[in-house]
């Protein structure tokens, strides 16, 4: 799952600014101020409400990515 988050890390913002310019980065980030975006912690907690129960957070550009992990039981032959 991908979404903007309201507490995007500074290194992600700096990378966005270098790639697209400071003005574009600032305009995009202002969207996180007026809309009810998740925090990174609340975005990660979404996994707890699914059968997967666990998730990792990473960033793809400016988007926060929640990767759900499925617990695969050991198969005994």
N, C-alpha and C. Protein backbone atom coordinates (compact mmCIF):
# COMPACT_ATOMS: atom_id res chain seq x y z
N UNK A 1 0.85 -1.15 0.00
CA UNK A 1 0.00 0.00 0.00
C UNK A 1 0.90 1.23 0.00
N UNK A 2 0.51 2.24 -0.73
CA UNK A 2 1.27 3.48 -0.83
C UNK A 2 0.39 4.66 -0.46
N UNK A 3 0.98 5.63 0.26
CA UNK A 3 0.26 6.86 0.57
C UNK A 3 1.27 7.90 1.03
N UNK A 4 0.87 9.16 1.00
CA UNK A 4 1.66 10.21 1.62
C UNK A 4 1.47 10.09 3.13
N UNK A 5 2.47 10.47 3.88
CA UNK A 5 2.35 10.50 5.34
C UNK A 5 2.71 11.90 5.82
N UNK A 6 2.18 12.27 6.96
CA UNK A 6 2.39 13.64 7.44
C UNK A 6 3.75 13.84 8.08
N UNK A 7 4.47 12.77 8.42
CA UNK A 7 5.79 12.90 9.04
C UNK A 7 6.88 12.28 8.16
N UNK A 8 6.87 12.66 6.90
CA UNK A 8 7.87 12.18 5.95
C UNK A 8 9.26 12.55 6.46
N UNK A 9 10.18 11.60 6.51
CA UNK A 9 11.54 11.89 7.00
C UNK A 9 12.23 12.98 6.17
N UNK A 10 13.07 13.75 6.82
CA UNK A 10 13.75 14.86 6.15
C UNK A 10 14.63 14.40 5.00
N UNK A 11 15.26 13.22 5.11
CA UNK A 11 16.11 12.76 4.01
C UNK A 11 15.29 12.44 2.76
N UNK A 12 14.05 12.02 2.93
CA UNK A 12 13.17 11.76 1.79
C UNK A 12 12.77 13.08 1.14
N UNK A 13 12.48 14.09 1.95
CA UNK A 13 12.11 15.41 1.44
C UNK A 13 13.28 16.04 0.68
N UNK A 14 14.48 15.91 1.25
CA UNK A 14 15.67 16.46 0.59
C UNK A 14 15.90 15.79 -0.76
N UNK A 15 15.74 14.48 -0.80
CA UNK A 15 15.91 13.74 -2.06
C UNK A 15 14.87 14.18 -3.09
N UNK A 16 13.64 14.38 -2.65
CA UNK A 16 12.58 14.86 -3.53
C UNK A 16 12.92 16.24 -4.08
N UNK A 17 13.44 17.12 -3.22
CA UNK A 17 13.82 18.46 -3.64
C UNK A 17 14.94 18.45 -4.66
N UNK A 18 15.92 17.57 -4.47
CA UNK A 18 17.02 17.47 -5.44
C UNK A 18 16.53 16.95 -6.78
N UNK A 19 15.59 16.04 -6.73
CA UNK A 19 15.12 15.42 -7.97
C UNK A 19 14.14 16.30 -8.74
N UNK A 20 13.22 16.95 -8.04
CA UNK A 20 12.15 17.68 -8.72
C UNK A 20 12.17 19.19 -8.47
N UNK A 21 13.07 19.65 -7.62
CA UNK A 21 13.13 21.07 -7.31
C UNK A 21 12.40 21.38 -6.01
N UNK A 22 12.92 22.37 -5.30
CA UNK A 22 12.39 22.71 -4.00
C UNK A 22 10.95 23.17 -4.01
N UNK A 23 10.57 23.93 -5.04
CA UNK A 23 9.19 24.43 -5.11
C UNK A 23 8.20 23.28 -5.27
N UNK A 24 8.48 22.36 -6.16
CA UNK A 24 7.57 21.22 -6.35
C UNK A 24 7.48 20.38 -5.09
N UNK A 25 8.61 20.17 -4.43
CA UNK A 25 8.61 19.39 -3.18
C UNK A 25 7.76 20.10 -2.13
N UNK A 26 7.93 21.41 -2.01
CA UNK A 26 7.15 22.17 -1.02
C UNK A 26 5.66 22.12 -1.32
N UNK A 27 5.30 22.25 -2.59
CA UNK A 27 3.88 22.19 -2.96
C UNK A 27 3.27 20.83 -2.64
N UNK A 28 4.01 19.79 -2.93
CA UNK A 28 3.50 18.45 -2.63
C UNK A 28 3.34 18.25 -1.13
N UNK A 29 4.31 18.69 -0.36
CA UNK A 29 4.25 18.50 1.09
C UNK A 29 3.17 19.34 1.75
N UNK A 30 2.78 20.46 1.15
CA UNK A 30 1.68 21.24 1.74
C UNK A 30 0.38 20.45 1.72
N UNK A 31 0.25 19.51 0.82
CA UNK A 31 -0.96 18.66 0.79
C UNK A 31 -1.08 17.84 2.06
N UNK A 32 0.03 17.48 2.66
CA UNK A 32 -0.03 16.67 3.89
C UNK A 32 -0.46 17.50 5.09
N UNK A 33 -0.47 18.82 4.96
CA UNK A 33 -0.88 19.69 6.07
C UNK A 33 -2.38 19.86 6.17
N UNK A 34 -3.07 19.82 5.02
CA UNK A 34 -4.51 20.12 5.05
C UNK A 34 -5.39 18.88 4.92
N UNK A 35 -4.81 17.74 4.67
CA UNK A 35 -5.58 16.51 4.57
C UNK A 35 -5.20 15.57 5.71
N UNK A 36 -6.08 14.71 6.13
CA UNK A 36 -5.80 13.84 7.28
C UNK A 36 -4.96 12.61 6.90
N UNK A 37 -3.71 12.82 6.57
CA UNK A 37 -2.84 11.70 6.23
C UNK A 37 -2.40 10.96 7.48
N UNK A 38 -2.05 9.71 7.31
CA UNK A 38 -1.52 8.90 8.40
C UNK A 38 -0.13 9.39 8.78
N UNK A 39 0.28 9.07 10.00
CA UNK A 39 1.69 9.17 10.37
C UNK A 39 2.31 7.84 9.95
N UNK A 40 3.64 7.77 9.93
CA UNK A 40 4.27 6.49 9.56
C UNK A 40 3.88 5.39 10.55
N UNK A 41 3.79 5.73 11.83
CA UNK A 41 3.42 4.72 12.84
C UNK A 41 1.99 4.23 12.65
N UNK A 42 1.05 5.14 12.39
CA UNK A 42 -0.33 4.71 12.20
C UNK A 42 -0.50 3.95 10.89
N UNK A 43 0.31 4.30 9.89
CA UNK A 43 0.27 3.56 8.62
C UNK A 43 0.75 2.12 8.84
N UNK A 44 1.81 1.96 9.64
CA UNK A 44 2.33 0.63 9.95
C UNK A 44 1.30 -0.18 10.74
N UNK A 45 0.57 0.49 11.65
CA UNK A 45 -0.44 -0.21 12.46
C UNK A 45 -1.60 -0.75 11.63
N UNK A 46 -1.78 -0.23 10.43
CA UNK A 46 -2.83 -0.78 9.57
C UNK A 46 -2.64 -2.27 9.34
N UNK A 47 -1.41 -2.71 9.32
CA UNK A 47 -1.13 -4.14 9.11
C UNK A 47 -1.73 -5.00 10.22
N UNK A 48 -1.80 -4.46 11.43
CA UNK A 48 -2.33 -5.22 12.56
C UNK A 48 -3.80 -5.58 12.37
N UNK A 49 -4.50 -4.80 11.55
CA UNK A 49 -5.93 -5.03 11.33
C UNK A 49 -6.19 -5.98 10.17
N UNK A 50 -5.14 -6.58 9.64
CA UNK A 50 -5.27 -7.51 8.51
C UNK A 50 -4.83 -8.90 8.96
N UNK A 51 -5.11 -9.92 8.15
CA UNK A 51 -4.62 -11.27 8.49
C UNK A 51 -3.09 -11.36 8.50
N UNK A 52 -2.41 -10.38 7.90
CA UNK A 52 -0.95 -10.42 7.84
C UNK A 52 -0.31 -10.07 9.18
N UNK A 53 -0.93 -9.17 9.94
CA UNK A 53 -0.53 -8.76 11.29
C UNK A 53 0.78 -7.97 11.37
N UNK A 54 1.63 -8.01 10.36
CA UNK A 54 2.93 -7.36 10.43
C UNK A 54 3.23 -6.65 9.12
N UNK A 55 3.87 -5.49 9.22
CA UNK A 55 4.23 -4.76 8.01
C UNK A 55 5.50 -3.96 8.19
N UNK A 56 6.21 -3.74 7.10
CA UNK A 56 7.41 -2.91 7.09
C UNK A 56 7.11 -1.65 6.32
N UNK A 57 7.72 -0.56 6.74
CA UNK A 57 7.56 0.74 6.09
C UNK A 57 8.83 1.08 5.33
N UNK A 58 8.66 1.60 4.14
CA UNK A 58 9.77 2.12 3.35
C UNK A 58 9.24 3.26 2.50
N UNK A 59 10.10 3.90 1.76
CA UNK A 59 9.67 5.00 0.91
C UNK A 59 10.05 4.72 -0.53
N UNK A 60 9.12 5.00 -1.42
CA UNK A 60 9.33 4.94 -2.85
C UNK A 60 9.09 6.38 -3.32
N UNK A 61 10.19 7.10 -3.53
CA UNK A 61 10.04 8.52 -3.77
C UNK A 61 9.45 9.15 -2.52
N UNK A 62 8.41 9.93 -2.68
CA UNK A 62 7.75 10.60 -1.55
C UNK A 62 6.69 9.72 -0.89
N UNK A 63 6.32 8.64 -1.56
CA UNK A 63 5.25 7.79 -1.05
C UNK A 63 5.76 6.81 -0.01
N UNK A 64 5.03 6.73 1.08
CA UNK A 64 5.32 5.74 2.11
C UNK A 64 4.72 4.42 1.64
N UNK A 65 5.49 3.37 1.76
CA UNK A 65 5.07 2.05 1.28
C UNK A 65 4.96 1.11 2.48
N UNK A 66 3.79 0.50 2.62
CA UNK A 66 3.58 -0.51 3.65
C UNK A 66 3.60 -1.87 2.97
N UNK A 67 4.58 -2.67 3.34
CA UNK A 67 4.70 -4.01 2.79
C UNK A 67 4.21 -4.99 3.85
N UNK A 68 3.16 -5.71 3.53
CA UNK A 68 2.60 -6.68 4.48
C UNK A 68 3.36 -7.99 4.39
N UNK A 69 3.60 -8.58 5.55
CA UNK A 69 4.33 -9.85 5.60
C UNK A 69 3.39 -10.95 6.06
N UNK A 70 3.42 -12.03 5.35
CA UNK A 70 2.60 -13.18 5.71
C UNK A 70 3.47 -14.19 6.43
N UNK A 71 2.98 -14.68 7.55
CA UNK A 71 3.70 -15.69 8.30
C UNK A 71 3.47 -17.03 7.62
N UNK A 72 4.52 -17.61 7.12
CA UNK A 72 4.42 -18.91 6.44
C UNK A 72 4.92 -19.98 7.39
N UNK A 73 4.04 -20.87 7.81
CA UNK A 73 4.46 -21.91 8.75
C UNK A 73 5.44 -22.89 8.11
N UNK A 74 6.31 -23.44 8.92
CA UNK A 74 7.25 -24.45 8.42
C UNK A 74 6.48 -25.66 7.93
N UNK A 75 6.88 -26.18 6.81
CA UNK A 75 6.24 -27.37 6.26
C UNK A 75 7.08 -28.57 6.65
N UNK A 76 6.44 -29.52 7.32
CA UNK A 76 7.13 -30.72 7.77
C UNK A 76 6.79 -31.83 6.78
N UNK A 77 7.80 -32.42 6.21
CA UNK A 77 7.59 -33.49 5.21
C UNK A 77 7.46 -34.83 5.86
